[in-house]
Amino acid sequence: MHREDENLSRIIEMAWEDRTPFEAIETLYGLNEAAVIRLMRQTLKAKAFKNWRARVSGRKTKHGKLRPTGVTRGYCPSQYKPGGASGR
């Protein structure tokens, strides 16, 4: 798998994760929320995109400004971490 394909796959994975805010994707990959939405619209099938939008719209954990003060991590401790034992 090429690095670009790996990045695309990881961005999509992060976008689906409930506890990964859009700001974390922007920090790691330079894509703001609007760019992630465009990417998801282009990449996913129509029904999957509709399901994803319904899932993330207004979800506090997907928007850094809606998260409780003091929560700065992009993922919960039990989620995948780059370079972990999973071999990713």
Protein backbone atom coordinates (compact mmCIF):
# COMPACT_ATOMS: atom_id res chain seq x y z
CA MET A 1 0.00 0.00 0.00
CA HIS A 2 1.33 3.44 -0.91
CA ARG A 3 1.80 6.11 1.75
CA GLU A 4 -0.94 8.25 0.15
CA ASP A 5 -3.37 5.32 0.30
CA GLU A 6 -2.43 4.70 3.93
CA ASN A 7 -3.06 8.35 4.79
CA LEU A 8 -6.44 8.34 3.03
CA SER A 9 -7.41 5.14 4.83
CA ARG A 10 -6.35 6.58 8.20
CA ILE A 11 -8.22 9.86 7.62
CA ILE A 12 -11.41 7.94 6.82
CA GLU A 13 -10.89 5.75 9.89
CA MET A 14 -10.38 8.81 12.10
CA ALA A 15 -13.47 10.48 10.61
CA TRP A 16 -15.58 7.45 11.56
CA GLU A 17 -14.17 7.28 15.11
CA ASP A 18 -16.53 8.83 17.63
CA ARG A 19 -13.87 10.26 19.90
CA THR A 20 -11.49 11.68 17.30
CA PRO A 21 -12.26 15.37 16.71
CA PHE A 22 -11.95 17.00 13.32
CA GLU A 23 -9.22 19.19 14.82
CA ALA A 24 -7.04 16.10 15.32
CA ILE A 25 -7.39 15.24 11.62
CA GLU A 26 -6.49 18.82 10.73
CA THR A 27 -3.43 18.75 12.98
CA LEU A 28 -2.16 15.46 11.56
CA TYR A 29 -3.18 15.77 7.89
CA GLY A 30 -3.96 19.44 7.26
CA LEU A 31 -7.62 18.84 6.39
CA ASN A 32 -10.19 21.01 8.15
CA GLU A 33 -13.74 19.79 8.82
CA ALA A 34 -15.07 21.00 5.47
CA ALA A 35 -12.24 19.21 3.62
CA VAL A 36 -12.90 15.99 5.56
CA ILE A 37 -16.59 16.21 4.65
CA ARG A 38 -15.67 16.67 0.95
CA LEU A 39 -13.26 13.73 1.13
CA MET A 40 -15.87 11.51 2.75
CA ARG A 41 -18.49 12.54 0.16
CA GLN A 42 -16.09 11.67 -2.69
CA THR A 43 -14.86 8.42 -1.15
CA LEU A 44 -17.90 6.79 0.45
CA LYS A 45 -20.98 5.43 -1.24
CA ALA A 46 -23.99 7.76 -0.93
CA LYS A 47 -25.72 5.74 1.82
CA ALA A 48 -22.50 5.37 3.84
CA PHE A 49 -21.86 9.12 3.56
CA LYS A 50 -25.41 9.89 4.70
CA ASN A 51 -24.98 7.54 7.68
CA TRP A 52 -21.63 9.09 8.56
CA ARG A 53 -22.98 12.67 8.39
CA ALA A 54 -25.93 11.73 10.61
CA ARG A 55 -23.51 10.12 13.06
CA VAL A 56 -21.05 13.02 13.37
CA SER A 57 -23.36 16.03 13.03
CA GLY A 58 -23.46 17.80 16.36
CA ARG A 59 -21.55 15.03 18.15
CA LYS A 60 -19.62 16.73 20.93
CA THR A 61 -16.67 14.38 20.68
CA LYS A 62 -16.14 15.24 16.97
CA HIS A 63 -15.88 18.98 17.55
CA GLY A 64 -13.14 20.30 19.81
CA LYS A 65 -15.09 23.42 20.74
CA LEU A 66 -17.99 21.30 22.02
CA ARG A 67 -15.78 19.03 24.15
CA PRO A 68 -15.49 19.56 27.87
CA THR A 69 -12.69 21.87 28.97
CA GLY A 70 -9.48 20.00 29.60
CA VAL A 71 -10.05 17.17 27.10
CA THR A 72 -7.14 17.63 24.71
CA ARG A 73 -6.49 14.12 23.43
CA GLY A 74 -7.60 13.08 19.96
CA TYR A 75 -8.48 9.52 20.94
CA CYS A 76 -9.36 7.56 24.01
CA PRO A 77 -6.62 5.44 25.64
CA SER A 78 -8.09 2.20 24.28
CA GLN A 79 -8.07 3.35 20.63
CA TYR A 80 -5.41 2.72 18.03
CA LYS A 81 -2.21 4.72 18.49
CA PRO A 82 0.31 5.26 15.67
CA GLY A 83 3.26 2.89 15.99
CA GLY A 84 1.41 0.57 18.36
CA ALA A 85 1.59 -3.19 18.57
CA SER A 86 -1.12 -3.57 15.92
CA GLY A 87 1.53 -3.23 13.22
CA ARG A 88 0.01 -0.21 11.53
